[in-house]
Amino acid sequence: MLIILKLLGSIALLIYGMKVMSEALQKMAGPQLRHMLGAMTTNRFTGVATGALVTVAVQSSAATTVMTVSFVNAALLTLSQAISIIMGANIGTTMSAWIMSAGFSFNVMDVVWPVFLVGIILIQTGKHRYVGDFLFGLSFLLFALGMLKQTGTEMDLANNPAVMNFFSSFSTNYGTILLFLLIGSVLTALVQSSAALMAITMVLCSTGAISIYQGIALVMGENIGTTVTANLAALSANVQARRTALAHLVFNVFGVIWVLILFFPFVTFVCSLVGLDPSAETQSPVQLSFALAAFHSAFNVINTAVLIWFIPQIEKLVCFLIQPSKEEREDSFSLKYIRGGIMKTPEISLLQAQKEISMFGQHMQQMIGLVKELAQTTEADAFGKLFERIRKYEDFSDQMENEIGRYLEEVGQAHLSDDSKAKLSGMLRQIGELESIGDSGFNLGRILQRKQDNKIEFSESQTKGIIEMYNLVDAAMTRMNQILDGRKEDFDIGLSSSYEQSINELRGNLKQQNIQDLDNQVYTYDNGTVFMDLVNEYEKVGDYVLNVAEARLGL
């Protein structure tokens, strides 16, 4: 019982050490890490390299994968970019296996205590706190490896008849390989740490409890089980994020399938790389641990080398398997024309940016349309769902402004003509005003939520006034989007100015009518306040819409 508790405690320390290391490294990297992923280009090779480097840096493929899923959810990465990053993350995570195998090759306790001491000093002094946290986590990881190695020796499984009879009952055939693959998948999914299962596998192999074939089958299962983390993270995310998580599963399942087909020759090849004979009766514990690490690396490197050429096909497959709902199709936010990478010419880049701004304008009109729908909704659950969609639009308006603005900033660093400089300046003004429309749209939603919470009912004249105001704003936005999507030479500001003037006049009339109705006690003061808040916010939207049109026309 004591040995079992020591084994479980060592595994817990290992998981804790990996977690502390990962969190400390992510804090040290900070915004640079997020920017490194967010600034990815469509180059699949760069994506793989980035995923591998980030995972090596944070020592957690789960952290990289979950971060990638969240970026796809925020429309900061495309699905194809995310797939390449996840491929790289699978390569980067093999570094953990090499660290563990090294831990089995020498007495790690010799370095644990000095690392503990340095880490605690850095934490207590406050200087380089994150470095101290990293060393603290590393010392726990090394200590756990040492305890696992010691516990494995104490267990002496090779001389335990009951254990050896149990494992020897499994002959080395495909049935056994599939069984151990399933066990590895389930245990990794339950523990949520492929590193912990890798350590256990190394202990079992190095003590002679299981063969190298069974150990490698467990490692294959760990590769499938670890995809559960990303899929769990994507459950509440949008359709693209769920597709990203599924692509991770597809990648690893494909790898497992081809390795199963070539299992015995492939294992022999991997073992030969570390000088191990898999059929020998006596084998070195150190070589066994290095063979498992070598298999883990070879599996992911070769799998990536094969599948990197089929990223478009994987993208099509996951898109076919996960179809968006009606609401997700309507709320589809992503940069469709800006794709990063090396820009061909500033003029083409500005054209791409203008197309993106046109999409931005259409999204904002959809958002204001949702506000109208919200005003007509009384049922609590439906109201809450609509309000959350409006909130999501506001979040994405901020993100679209940031992404387009960052792209335009990069374009501005090139040598531009005076005409291109003027266009770029106008585009920056357009996205700023469009983002303000998003803010006003959310403000309208919050005013309607206040109306709902306070159970305020508008009079017939108030409802009619709000509908008239919306119709004018919607017409102005339709004109704005025509200007954004067309050639500016084909338009003038006359119609847009006329709409804005009509909105101002209607606001004045509704304000005057509101004062009269309050004097006549047609409705309460709270009712009138909510009503005028809506009217004034719609009038602000009209101002922003005119500003966008003027910026596009260079006025």
Protein backbone atom coordinates (compact mmCIF):
# COMPACT_ATOMS: atom_id res chain seq x y z
CA MET A 1 0.00 0.00 0.00
CA LEU A 2 2.85 2.40 0.87
CA ILE A 3 4.51 1.77 -2.49
CA ILE A 4 1.24 2.41 -4.34
CA LEU A 5 0.74 5.68 -2.43
CA LYS A 6 4.33 6.71 -3.27
CA LEU A 7 3.63 5.94 -6.94
CA LEU A 8 0.41 7.98 -6.97
CA GLY A 9 2.07 10.82 -5.04
CA SER A 10 4.99 10.87 -7.49
CA ILE A 11 2.57 11.11 -10.42
CA ALA A 12 0.69 13.94 -8.69
CA LEU A 13 3.99 15.80 -8.12
CA LEU A 14 4.94 15.25 -11.76
CA ILE A 15 1.64 16.74 -13.00
CA TYR A 16 1.96 19.63 -10.55
CA GLY A 17 5.55 20.31 -11.60
CA MET A 18 4.60 20.35 -15.29
CA LYS A 19 1.68 22.68 -14.53
CA VAL A 20 3.83 25.16 -12.55
CA MET A 21 6.54 25.10 -15.24
CA SER A 22 4.01 25.68 -18.02
CA GLU A 23 2.25 28.54 -16.24
CA ALA A 24 5.54 30.24 -15.33
CA LEU A 25 6.82 30.03 -18.90
CA GLN A 26 3.55 31.41 -20.26
CA LYS A 27 3.75 34.33 -17.83
CA MET A 28 7.36 35.01 -18.85
CA ALA A 29 6.44 34.93 -22.52
CA GLY A 30 3.32 37.04 -21.89
CA PRO A 31 1.87 38.99 -24.82
CA GLN A 32 4.81 38.02 -27.05
CA LEU A 33 3.64 34.40 -26.98
CA ARG A 34 0.09 35.37 -27.94
CA HIS A 35 1.39 37.71 -30.62
CA MET A 36 3.63 34.96 -31.99
CA LEU A 37 0.59 32.76 -32.55
CA GLY A 38 -1.69 35.62 -33.59
CA ALA A 39 0.72 36.91 -36.23
CA MET A 40 0.89 33.58 -38.08
CA THR A 41 0.86 33.58 -41.85
CA THR A 42 -0.65 31.07 -44.25
CA ASN A 43 2.73 29.38 -44.58
CA ARG A 44 2.09 25.89 -43.25
CA PHE A 45 5.78 25.29 -42.50
CA THR A 46 6.00 28.46 -40.43
CA GLY A 47 2.89 27.33 -38.59
CA VAL A 48 4.43 23.96 -37.71
CA ALA A 49 7.65 25.63 -36.55
CA THR A 50 5.73 28.12 -34.44
CA GLY A 51 3.60 25.43 -32.81
CA ALA A 52 6.70 23.36 -32.00
CA LEU A 53 8.68 26.30 -30.58
CA VAL A 54 5.80 27.59 -28.45
CA THR A 55 5.13 24.10 -27.08
CA VAL A 56 8.79 23.57 -26.25
CA ALA A 57 8.76 26.98 -24.55
CA VAL A 58 5.70 26.32 -22.37
CA GLN A 59 6.26 22.55 -22.05
CA SER A 60 2.59 21.84 -22.69
CA SER A 61 0.98 20.87 -25.98
CA ALA A 62 -2.39 21.20 -24.22
CA ALA A 63 -1.63 24.88 -23.45
CA THR A 64 -0.65 25.56 -27.07
CA THR A 65 -3.65 23.69 -28.44
CA VAL A 66 -6.15 25.35 -26.10
CA MET A 67 -4.59 28.75 -26.90
CA THR A 68 -4.88 28.00 -30.63
CA VAL A 69 -8.53 26.97 -30.23
CA SER A 70 -9.26 30.22 -28.38
CA PHE A 71 -7.59 32.26 -31.16
CA VAL A 72 -9.68 30.49 -33.79
CA ASN A 73 -12.74 31.19 -31.64
CA ALA A 74 -11.77 34.88 -31.66
CA ALA A 75 -11.23 34.82 -35.46
CA LEU A 76 -7.54 35.71 -34.99
CA LEU A 77 -6.41 32.52 -36.73
CA THR A 78 -7.86 30.68 -39.70
CA LEU A 79 -8.59 26.97 -39.50
CA SER A 80 -5.68 26.05 -41.81
CA GLN A 81 -3.26 28.13 -39.72
CA ALA A 82 -4.48 26.45 -36.55
CA ILE A 83 -4.05 22.95 -38.02
CA SER A 84 -0.40 23.64 -38.85
CA ILE A 85 0.25 25.05 -35.36
CA ILE A 86 -1.28 21.96 -33.74
CA MET A 87 0.92 19.73 -35.88
CA GLY A 88 3.92 21.63 -34.55
CA ALA A 89 2.60 21.36 -30.99
CA ASN A 90 2.60 17.57 -31.33
CA ILE A 91 6.29 17.70 -32.23
CA GLY A 92 7.12 20.16 -29.47
CA THR A 93 5.49 18.05 -26.77
CA THR A 94 7.95 15.20 -27.42
CA MET A 95 10.56 17.27 -25.57
CA SER A 96 8.85 16.25 -22.30
CA ALA A 97 9.49 12.57 -23.09
CA TRP A 98 13.19 13.25 -23.67
CA ILE A 99 13.43 15.13 -20.36
CA MET A 100 11.86 12.16 -18.59
CA SER A 101 14.06 9.61 -20.31
CA ALA A 102 17.09 11.68 -19.28
CA GLY A 103 15.75 11.58 -15.73
CA PHE A 104 15.88 7.78 -15.84
CA SER A 105 19.49 7.81 -17.02
CA PHE A 106 21.09 9.52 -13.98
CA ASN A 107 20.36 10.31 -10.34
CA VAL A 108 18.19 13.41 -10.66
CA MET A 109 18.18 13.89 -6.89
CA ASP A 110 21.69 15.32 -7.25
CA VAL A 111 20.28 18.43 -8.96
CA VAL A 112 16.84 18.68 -7.35
CA TRP A 113 17.85 20.38 -4.12
CA PRO A 114 20.07 23.08 -5.68
CA VAL A 115 17.26 23.89 -8.15
CA PHE A 116 14.76 24.04 -5.29
CA LEU A 117 17.04 26.43 -3.38
CA VAL A 118 17.59 28.82 -6.31
CA GLY A 119 13.91 28.78 -7.24
CA ILE A 120 12.70 29.57 -3.71
CA ILE A 121 15.27 32.37 -3.32
CA LEU A 122 14.09 34.01 -6.54
CA ILE A 123 10.44 33.67 -5.49
CA GLN A 124 11.00 35.09 -2.00
CA THR A 125 13.15 38.02 -3.13
CA GLY A 126 10.53 39.00 -5.71
CA LYS A 127 13.13 39.51 -8.44
CA HIS A 128 12.69 37.30 -11.47
CA ARG A 129 9.63 35.77 -9.79
CA TYR A 130 8.54 33.88 -12.91
CA VAL A 131 12.02 32.37 -13.34
CA GLY A 132 11.78 31.21 -9.72
CA ASP A 133 8.35 29.69 -10.39
CA PHE A 134 9.78 27.87 -13.41
CA LEU A 135 12.70 26.44 -11.41
CA PHE A 136 10.31 25.52 -8.60
CA GLY A 137 8.14 23.57 -11.07
CA LEU A 138 11.22 22.02 -12.68
CA SER A 139 12.50 20.84 -9.30
CA PHE A 140 9.15 19.21 -8.56
CA LEU A 141 9.24 17.50 -11.96
CA LEU A 142 12.78 16.19 -11.38
CA PHE A 143 11.93 15.13 -7.83
CA ALA A 144 8.86 13.26 -9.11
CA LEU A 145 10.96 11.50 -11.76
CA GLY A 146 13.47 10.45 -9.11
CA MET A 147 10.67 9.15 -6.87
CA LEU A 148 9.12 7.28 -9.79
CA LYS A 149 12.44 5.66 -10.61
CA GLN A 150 12.98 4.72 -6.95
CA THR A 151 9.42 3.44 -6.55
CA GLY A 152 9.76 1.37 -9.71
CA THR A 153 12.88 -0.24 -8.24
CA GLU A 154 11.13 -0.92 -4.93
CA MET A 155 8.15 -2.45 -6.69
CA ASP A 156 10.52 -4.96 -8.35
CA LEU A 157 7.77 -5.94 -10.76
CA ALA A 158 10.12 -8.15 -12.79
CA ASN A 159 10.36 -10.52 -9.81
CA ASN A 160 6.69 -10.40 -8.89
CA PRO A 161 5.15 -13.62 -10.26
CA ALA A 162 1.55 -12.36 -10.15
CA VAL A 163 2.38 -9.20 -12.12
CA MET A 164 4.62 -10.98 -14.59
CA ASN A 165 2.07 -13.75 -15.16
CA PHE A 166 -0.62 -11.10 -15.78
CA PHE A 167 1.37 -9.16 -18.39
CA SER A 168 2.90 -12.27 -19.94
CA SER A 169 -0.63 -13.54 -20.57
CA PHE A 170 -0.79 -10.91 -23.30
CA SER A 171 1.00 -12.26 -26.33
CA THR A 172 2.70 -9.86 -28.68
CA ASN A 173 0.03 -9.58 -31.38
CA TYR A 174 -2.27 -6.93 -32.80
CA GLY A 175 -5.03 -7.72 -30.30
CA THR A 176 -2.73 -6.88 -27.40
CA ILE A 177 -1.43 -3.78 -29.15
CA LEU A 178 -5.00 -2.50 -29.70
CA LEU A 179 -5.92 -3.25 -26.07
CA PHE A 180 -2.96 -1.29 -24.68
CA LEU A 181 -3.64 1.51 -27.17
CA LEU A 182 -7.19 1.75 -25.79
CA ILE A 183 -5.92 1.71 -22.19
CA GLY A 184 -3.47 4.51 -22.97
CA SER A 185 -6.20 6.60 -24.61
CA VAL A 186 -8.66 6.21 -21.72
CA LEU A 187 -6.11 6.84 -18.95
CA THR A 188 -4.71 9.95 -20.67
CA ALA A 189 -8.21 11.32 -21.22
CA LEU A 190 -9.00 10.75 -17.52
CA VAL A 191 -5.75 12.13 -16.11
CA GLN A 192 -5.57 14.97 -18.69
CA SER A 193 -1.79 14.67 -18.78
CA SER A 194 0.08 12.69 -21.43
CA ALA A 195 3.32 13.48 -19.54
CA ALA A 196 2.10 11.58 -16.47
CA LEU A 197 1.15 8.53 -18.56
CA MET A 198 4.50 8.69 -20.36
CA ALA A 199 6.29 8.58 -16.98
CA ILE A 200 4.20 5.59 -15.86
CA THR A 201 4.92 3.82 -19.16
CA MET A 202 8.65 4.38 -18.70
CA VAL A 203 8.48 2.95 -15.16
CA LEU A 204 6.59 -0.15 -16.36
CA CYS A 205 9.01 -0.72 -19.24
CA SER A 206 12.19 -0.06 -17.28
CA THR A 207 11.12 -2.48 -14.52
CA GLY A 208 10.36 -5.21 -17.03
CA ALA A 209 6.64 -5.33 -16.25
CA ILE A 210 5.62 -4.71 -19.86
CA SER A 211 7.46 -5.17 -23.15
CA ILE A 212 8.61 -2.32 -25.36
CA TYR A 213 5.81 -3.24 -27.79
CA GLN A 214 3.16 -2.80 -25.09
CA GLY A 215 4.83 0.41 -23.90
CA ILE A 216 4.77 1.89 -27.39
CA ALA A 217 1.11 0.92 -27.75
CA LEU A 218 0.40 2.91 -24.56
CA VAL A 219 2.29 5.89 -26.02
CA MET A 220 0.16 5.68 -29.17
CA GLY A 221 -2.95 5.73 -26.99
CA GLU A 222 -1.61 8.77 -25.13
CA ASN A 223 -1.46 10.65 -28.42
CA ILE A 224 -5.18 10.09 -28.93
CA GLY A 225 -6.17 10.68 -25.30
CA THR A 226 -4.41 14.03 -25.16
CA THR A 227 -6.73 15.43 -27.87
CA VAL A 228 -9.59 15.31 -25.36
CA THR A 229 -8.24 18.51 -23.72
CA ALA A 230 -8.69 20.61 -26.85
CA ASN A 231 -12.08 19.09 -27.64
CA LEU A 232 -13.31 19.87 -24.12
CA ALA A 233 -12.02 23.44 -24.46
CA ALA A 234 -13.90 23.81 -27.75
CA LEU A 235 -17.30 22.56 -26.53
CA SER A 236 -18.55 26.07 -25.78
CA ALA A 237 -16.66 27.71 -28.66
CA ASN A 238 -17.76 28.51 -32.19
CA VAL A 239 -17.84 26.13 -35.12
CA GLN A 240 -14.32 26.93 -36.34
CA ALA A 241 -12.84 26.27 -32.90
CA ARG A 242 -14.65 22.91 -32.71
CA ARG A 243 -13.29 22.05 -36.15
CA THR A 244 -9.78 22.93 -34.95
CA ALA A 245 -10.08 20.54 -32.00
CA LEU A 246 -11.44 17.81 -34.28
CA ALA A 247 -8.50 18.34 -36.68
CA HIS A 248 -6.18 17.56 -33.75
CA LEU A 249 -7.98 14.26 -33.24
CA VAL A 250 -7.95 13.46 -36.98
CA PHE A 251 -4.20 14.14 -37.14
CA ASN A 252 -3.37 11.75 -34.29
CA VAL A 253 -5.83 9.04 -35.33
CA PHE A 254 -4.37 9.00 -38.85
CA GLY A 255 -0.89 8.64 -37.35
CA VAL A 256 -1.97 5.75 -35.17
CA ILE A 257 -3.56 3.97 -38.15
CA TRP A 258 -0.45 4.03 -40.34
CA VAL A 259 1.81 3.07 -37.42
CA LEU A 260 -0.46 0.10 -36.66
CA ILE A 261 -0.13 -1.07 -40.27
CA LEU A 262 3.68 -0.90 -40.05
CA PHE A 263 3.87 -1.52 -36.30
CA PHE A 264 6.55 -4.18 -35.85
CA PRO A 265 8.96 -2.96 -38.57
CA PHE A 266 8.53 0.63 -37.33
CA VAL A 267 9.22 -0.32 -33.69
CA THR A 268 12.32 -2.24 -34.76
CA PHE A 269 13.51 0.82 -36.73
CA VAL A 270 12.95 3.21 -33.79
CA CYS A 271 14.66 0.86 -31.32
CA SER A 272 17.68 0.60 -33.61
CA LEU A 273 18.10 4.38 -33.35
CA VAL A 274 18.91 4.05 -29.64
CA GLY A 275 20.76 0.72 -29.94
CA LEU A 276 17.99 -1.43 -28.46
CA ASP A 277 17.06 -4.92 -29.61
CA PRO A 278 13.30 -5.26 -28.93
CA SER A 279 13.44 -9.06 -29.05
CA ALA A 280 16.31 -9.40 -26.54
CA GLU A 281 15.51 -11.10 -23.21
CA THR A 282 17.45 -8.57 -21.10
CA GLN A 283 17.26 -4.89 -21.93
CA SER A 284 18.73 -1.74 -20.44
CA PRO A 285 16.17 0.39 -18.53
CA VAL A 286 17.85 3.53 -19.86
CA GLN A 287 17.64 2.32 -23.46
CA LEU A 288 13.98 1.40 -22.96
CA SER A 289 13.09 4.90 -21.77
CA PHE A 290 15.03 6.47 -24.65
CA ALA A 291 13.29 4.12 -27.11
CA LEU A 292 9.89 5.36 -25.91
CA ALA A 293 10.99 8.98 -26.32
CA ALA A 294 12.43 8.21 -29.77
CA PHE A 295 9.16 6.56 -30.84
CA HIS A 296 7.14 9.54 -29.59
CA SER A 297 9.30 11.93 -31.63
CA ALA A 298 9.46 9.76 -34.75
CA PHE A 299 5.69 9.21 -34.66
CA ASN A 300 4.89 12.94 -34.56
CA VAL A 301 7.65 14.11 -36.92
CA ILE A 302 6.82 11.56 -39.63
CA ASN A 303 3.08 12.09 -39.18
CA THR A 304 3.56 15.85 -39.62
CA ALA A 305 5.89 15.37 -42.60
CA VAL A 306 3.14 13.36 -44.31
CA LEU A 307 0.05 15.34 -43.34
CA ILE A 308 1.48 18.83 -43.79
CA TRP A 309 0.78 18.44 -47.52
CA PHE A 310 -2.86 17.58 -46.84
CA ILE A 311 -3.89 20.48 -44.59
CA PRO A 312 -6.53 21.71 -47.14
CA GLN A 313 -8.02 18.19 -47.27
CA ILE A 314 -8.08 17.93 -43.45
CA GLU A 315 -9.78 21.33 -43.36
CA LYS A 316 -12.45 20.15 -45.81
CA LEU A 317 -12.99 16.94 -43.82
CA VAL A 318 -13.57 18.66 -40.47
CA CYS A 319 -15.76 21.29 -42.15
CA PHE A 320 -17.87 18.47 -43.58
CA LEU A 321 -18.07 16.65 -40.23
CA ILE A 322 -18.98 19.76 -38.20
CA GLN A 323 -21.62 21.90 -39.87
CA PRO A 324 -22.46 25.36 -38.46
CA SER A 325 -25.90 26.06 -37.03
CA LYS A 326 -28.09 28.77 -38.54
CA GLU A 327 -27.04 31.29 -35.88
CA GLU A 328 -23.34 30.46 -36.37
CA ARG A 329 -23.68 31.04 -40.13
CA GLU A 330 -25.21 34.44 -39.44
CA ASP A 331 -22.59 35.30 -36.80
CA SER A 332 -19.61 34.14 -38.87
CA PHE A 333 -16.73 36.50 -38.09
CA SER A 334 -13.36 36.09 -39.72
CA LEU A 335 -10.95 38.07 -41.81
CA LYS A 336 -11.70 36.83 -45.31
CA TYR A 337 -9.33 38.91 -47.44
CA ILE A 338 -6.38 39.72 -45.15
CA ARG A 339 -4.18 36.67 -44.78
CA GLY A 340 -0.86 38.03 -43.52
CA GLY A 341 2.45 36.88 -44.98
CA ILE A 342 4.66 38.90 -47.33
CA MET A 343 2.59 41.59 -49.04
CA LYS A 344 2.89 41.76 -52.80
CA THR A 345 2.33 45.48 -53.30
CA PRO A 346 0.90 48.19 -51.02
CA GLU A 347 -1.88 48.89 -53.55
CA ILE A 348 -3.08 45.29 -53.50
CA SER A 349 -2.83 45.25 -49.73
CA LEU A 350 -4.98 48.38 -49.49
CA LEU A 351 -7.53 46.78 -51.80
CA GLN A 352 -7.67 43.71 -49.54
CA ALA A 353 -8.07 45.93 -46.49
CA GLN A 354 -10.93 47.86 -48.12
CA LYS A 355 -12.75 44.61 -48.87
CA GLU A 356 -12.31 43.63 -45.23
CA ILE A 357 -13.70 47.00 -44.11
CA SER A 358 -16.70 46.41 -46.37
CA MET A 359 -17.34 43.11 -44.54
CA PHE A 360 -16.91 44.98 -41.24
CA GLY A 361 -19.67 47.39 -42.30
CA GLN A 362 -22.02 44.55 -43.19
CA HIS A 363 -21.45 42.93 -39.80
CA MET A 364 -22.32 46.18 -38.06
CA GLN A 365 -25.57 46.48 -40.01
CA GLN A 366 -26.43 42.92 -39.00
CA MET A 367 -25.73 43.91 -35.39
CA ILE A 368 -28.15 46.87 -35.53
CA GLY A 369 -30.69 44.50 -37.09
CA LEU A 370 -30.34 42.25 -34.05
CA VAL A 371 -31.10 45.27 -31.85
CA LYS A 372 -34.43 45.70 -33.67
CA GLU A 373 -35.14 41.99 -33.14
CA LEU A 374 -34.24 42.35 -29.46
CA ALA A 375 -36.70 45.26 -29.06
CA GLN A 376 -39.49 43.00 -30.30
CA THR A 377 -38.56 40.05 -28.01
CA THR A 378 -40.26 39.63 -24.63
CA GLU A 379 -39.58 35.98 -23.72
CA ALA A 380 -36.68 35.89 -21.19
CA ASP A 381 -34.59 33.04 -22.66
CA ALA A 382 -34.86 34.30 -26.23
CA PHE A 383 -34.04 37.81 -25.05
CA GLY A 384 -30.93 36.57 -23.21
CA LYS A 385 -29.66 34.64 -26.25
CA LEU A 386 -30.16 37.62 -28.55
CA PHE A 387 -28.41 39.93 -26.09
CA GLU A 388 -25.41 37.57 -25.96
CA ARG A 389 -25.22 37.59 -29.76
CA ILE A 390 -25.13 41.40 -29.67
CA ARG A 391 -22.39 41.25 -27.06
CA LYS A 392 -20.44 38.90 -29.34
CA TYR A 393 -20.79 41.34 -32.23
CA GLU A 394 -19.36 44.11 -30.04
CA ASP A 395 -16.38 41.93 -29.07
CA PHE A 396 -15.69 41.11 -32.69
CA SER A 397 -15.97 44.76 -33.73
CA ASP A 398 -13.07 45.47 -31.35
CA GLN A 399 -11.08 42.54 -32.73
CA MET A 400 -11.74 43.45 -36.36
CA GLU A 401 -10.65 47.04 -35.73
CA ASN A 402 -7.43 45.79 -34.09
CA GLU A 403 -6.63 43.25 -36.81
CA ILE A 404 -7.34 45.55 -39.75
CA GLY A 405 -5.55 48.40 -37.99
CA ARG A 406 -2.47 46.26 -37.37
CA TYR A 407 -2.47 45.18 -41.02
CA LEU A 408 -2.74 48.78 -42.20
CA GLU A 409 0.11 49.72 -39.88
CA GLU A 410 2.31 47.12 -41.60
CA VAL A 411 1.26 48.45 -45.02
CA GLY A 412 2.10 51.98 -43.88
CA GLN A 413 5.72 50.98 -43.28
CA ALA A 414 6.19 50.50 -47.04
CA HIS A 415 6.94 53.34 -49.45
CA LEU A 416 3.50 54.70 -50.35
CA SER A 417 2.38 57.29 -52.85
CA ASP A 418 0.53 60.35 -51.57
CA ASP A 419 -2.71 58.86 -52.89
CA SER A 420 -2.10 55.56 -51.04
CA LYS A 421 -1.27 57.44 -47.84
CA ALA A 422 -4.57 59.30 -48.10
CA LYS A 423 -6.43 55.99 -48.66
CA LEU A 424 -4.72 54.41 -45.67
CA SER A 425 -5.58 57.37 -43.45
CA GLY A 426 -9.21 57.18 -44.57
CA MET A 427 -9.33 53.43 -43.83
CA LEU A 428 -8.04 53.94 -40.30
CA ARG A 429 -10.80 56.49 -39.77
CA GLN A 430 -13.40 54.10 -41.25
CA ILE A 431 -12.57 51.21 -38.91
CA GLY A 432 -12.56 53.55 -35.91
CA GLU A 433 -16.07 54.80 -36.75
CA LEU A 434 -17.30 51.26 -37.49
CA GLU A 435 -16.05 50.13 -34.10
CA SER A 436 -17.98 53.02 -32.55
CA ILE A 437 -21.13 51.69 -34.28
CA GLY A 438 -20.42 48.38 -32.54
CA ASP A 439 -20.17 50.17 -29.19
CA SER A 440 -23.46 51.97 -29.81
CA GLY A 441 -25.13 48.73 -30.89
CA PHE A 442 -24.14 47.15 -27.58
CA ASN A 443 -25.32 50.25 -25.71
CA LEU A 444 -28.70 49.91 -27.43
CA GLY A 445 -28.83 46.29 -26.29
CA ARG A 446 -28.07 47.29 -22.70
CA ILE A 447 -30.78 49.97 -22.75
CA LEU A 448 -33.28 47.37 -23.98
CA GLN A 449 -32.10 45.02 -21.23
CA ARG A 450 -32.80 47.77 -18.70
CA LYS A 451 -36.26 48.16 -20.24
CA GLN A 452 -36.82 44.41 -19.93
CA ASP A 453 -35.55 44.20 -16.33
CA ASN A 454 -37.74 47.13 -15.21
CA LYS A 455 -40.76 45.75 -17.09
CA ILE A 456 -41.24 49.00 -19.01
CA GLU A 457 -43.85 48.96 -21.77
CA PHE A 458 -43.69 51.58 -24.53
CA SER A 459 -46.78 53.35 -25.75
CA GLU A 460 -47.93 52.95 -29.33
CA SER A 461 -46.43 56.32 -30.32
CA GLN A 462 -43.10 55.46 -28.67
CA THR A 463 -42.91 52.11 -30.46
CA LYS A 464 -43.74 53.81 -33.75
CA GLY A 465 -41.01 56.42 -33.14
CA ILE A 466 -38.36 53.79 -32.39
CA ILE A 467 -39.29 51.84 -35.54
CA GLU A 468 -39.03 55.02 -37.65
CA MET A 469 -35.65 55.79 -36.12
CA TYR A 470 -34.39 52.25 -36.82
CA ASN A 471 -35.63 52.35 -40.43
CA LEU A 472 -33.78 55.61 -41.09
CA VAL A 473 -30.57 54.29 -39.49
CA ASP A 474 -30.84 51.03 -41.43
CA ALA A 475 -31.32 52.92 -44.71
CA ALA A 476 -28.29 55.08 -43.89
CA MET A 477 -26.23 51.95 -43.17
CA THR A 478 -27.35 50.35 -46.43
CA ARG A 479 -26.07 53.43 -48.26
CA MET A 480 -22.86 53.35 -46.21
CA ASN A 481 -22.20 49.75 -47.19
CA GLN A 482 -22.85 50.52 -50.85
CA ILE A 483 -20.19 53.22 -50.64
CA LEU A 484 -17.75 50.91 -48.81
CA ASP A 485 -18.24 48.10 -51.32
CA GLY A 486 -18.16 50.19 -54.50
CA ARG A 487 -15.85 52.60 -56.28
CA LYS A 488 -15.87 55.86 -54.39
CA GLU A 489 -15.90 57.79 -57.68
CA ASP A 490 -19.43 56.47 -58.29
CA PHE A 491 -20.88 58.04 -55.12
CA ASP A 492 -21.35 61.40 -53.44
CA ILE A 493 -22.18 62.27 -49.86
CA GLY A 494 -25.57 63.81 -50.65
CA LEU A 495 -27.85 60.88 -49.83
CA SER A 496 -25.90 59.97 -46.69
CA SER A 497 -26.11 63.56 -45.45
CA SER A 498 -29.84 63.57 -46.16
CA TYR A 499 -30.34 60.44 -44.05
CA GLU A 500 -28.32 61.92 -41.20
CA GLN A 501 -30.33 65.14 -41.32
CA SER A 502 -33.59 63.15 -41.25
CA ILE A 503 -32.36 61.19 -38.24
CA ASN A 504 -31.52 64.43 -36.41
CA GLU A 505 -34.92 65.93 -37.24
CA LEU A 506 -36.73 62.80 -36.06
CA ARG A 507 -34.70 62.82 -32.83
CA GLY A 508 -35.77 66.46 -32.25
CA ASN A 509 -39.44 65.67 -32.91
CA LEU A 510 -39.39 62.60 -30.63
CA LYS A 511 -37.69 64.59 -27.89
CA GLN A 512 -40.37 67.28 -28.08
CA GLN A 513 -43.14 64.67 -28.12
CA ASN A 514 -41.58 62.94 -25.11
CA ILE A 515 -41.66 66.19 -23.11
CA GLN A 516 -45.34 66.70 -23.94
CA ASP A 517 -46.25 63.10 -23.05
CA LEU A 518 -44.45 63.38 -19.72
CA ASP A 519 -46.31 66.64 -18.99
CA ASN A 520 -49.60 64.94 -19.83
CA GLN A 521 -48.60 61.89 -17.71
CA VAL A 522 -49.04 59.53 -20.66
CA TYR A 523 -46.24 57.39 -19.18
CA THR A 524 -43.76 57.50 -16.29
CA TYR A 525 -40.47 59.38 -16.13
CA ASP A 526 -38.50 56.07 -16.17
CA ASN A 527 -40.35 55.09 -19.32
CA GLY A 528 -39.47 58.41 -20.99
CA THR A 529 -35.81 58.15 -19.92
CA VAL A 530 -35.37 54.70 -21.48
CA PHE A 531 -37.17 55.88 -24.62
CA MET A 532 -34.93 58.93 -25.08
CA ASP A 533 -31.79 56.90 -24.31
CA LEU A 534 -32.69 54.66 -27.25
CA VAL A 535 -33.45 57.61 -29.52
CA ASN A 536 -30.19 59.38 -28.64
CA GLU A 537 -28.12 56.23 -29.14
CA TYR A 538 -29.70 55.63 -32.55
CA GLU A 539 -28.85 59.25 -33.44
CA LYS A 540 -25.21 58.56 -32.48
CA VAL A 541 -25.21 55.58 -34.84
CA GLY A 542 -26.42 57.91 -37.60
CA ASP A 543 -23.48 60.24 -36.91
CA TYR A 544 -20.97 57.39 -37.06
CA VAL A 545 -22.51 56.09 -40.28
CA LEU A 546 -22.10 59.49 -41.94
CA ASN A 547 -18.50 59.68 -40.69
CA VAL A 548 -17.73 56.29 -42.28
CA ALA A 549 -19.17 57.44 -45.62
CA GLU A 550 -17.20 60.69 -45.48
CA ALA A 551 -13.98 58.84 -44.63
CA ARG A 552 -14.49 56.47 -47.56
CA LEU A 553 -15.14 59.37 -49.96
CA GLY A 554 -12.11 61.26 -48.66
CA LEU A 555 -14.12 64.15 -47.19
